[in-house]
Amino acid sequence: MVLEEILSIFLGIFTDYTLRYVALGSAILGVTSGALGCFTVLRKQSLFGDALSHAALPGIGFAYLFAGTKDSLLLMLGAAVFAWFGGIITLAITSTTRIKQDAALGITLSVFFGLGIVLLTYLQSTGGASQGGLDRFLFGQAASLIETDVINLGILAAGCFVVLIIFFKELKIATFDSAFGQSLGFPTKYLSALLTSVIVVAVVIGLHTVGVVLMVSMLIAPAAAARQWISSLKSMLILSAIFGGVSGVIGSMISSTAEGMSTGPVIVITITTILDISLFFSPKNGYLFQYVRKRKQHQNYLNEISTISGENSKN
């Protein structure tokens, strides 16, 4: 019975219009954010994606306020502009002042998110936010994805991967040793701005599916899970993208089993489960194997002590 239900849900991806495009859109989000999230995790900028996603919220409000339409491309453009602006402000604060990166991220996140909430509150008071469906960007509404949305998301994701492939070597150097890259003549500031730009695109892709609040999980969790298994950056990017894509599809399938179940939170729970499994069972860094190794080392130590004690007693 259980296998039949699982098979029925899986086949629904091919037969059910809504589930098919929700799963495709979620997979695109997972693959893109999983790959790009590796750079934020390795650069120890995990909250950077959170700041960008929160900075995108007022962009959605302003785009609707001035255009008066809920066209998804226009709203995504407004979100992208403000998210990119928030990222550049963060980089400028850390490079031109004595304020540390964590404080700069906190400033950007709170100010832009506060501005976004004020805008949404104003639009709701006039009936605009609810009519335009802007409130769905807070927590996402993957069920509203249609074929046109998925095509747009796919084009944006393809652009991200083109940039990633072309500038992979430069981004790798800037990630692991920016000072060395600068000494070789690499424009590290421009590379940081480029990386910010592609992460902004990933954030915009995720606004439809998981929303502003949960987007940071899709950037951090797949990369953190892949990091437990692999050290090579290229392999880590691939595995993180796989984890993200799989969690998007599985989360969509699970959410389709119950009426009213939000897809975004289920996707986040799914990728968090993958992260938990990685933390416990990865051969290199997993808690289970670390425990086994420590027990083995402790046992070997006791055996050596016992052997030395036996030899001393014989002498």
Foldseek 3Di string as FASTA:
>chain_A
DVVVLVVVLVCCLVVPQLLVQLLLLQLLLLLLLLLLLLLCVLLVNLLLLLLLLLQLLVLLLVQCVVPVALPLVSSLVSSLVRSLVLSVQLVCCCVPHVDHSVVSSVVSNVVSNVNNVVSLVVCVVVPRCVVSVSVCLAFAASSPDHPVLSVVSVVLSVVLVVVCVVCVVVSVCLRPPVPVSVVVPRPSVVSSSVSSSSSSSSSSSCSNAGHSNCSSLSNHLLLLLLVLADDDSVSSSVSSSVLSSVLSSVLSSVQVVDPPRRSNVSSSVSSVVSSLCSCADHCPRHPPNVVVVVVVVVVVVVVVVVVVVVVVVVD
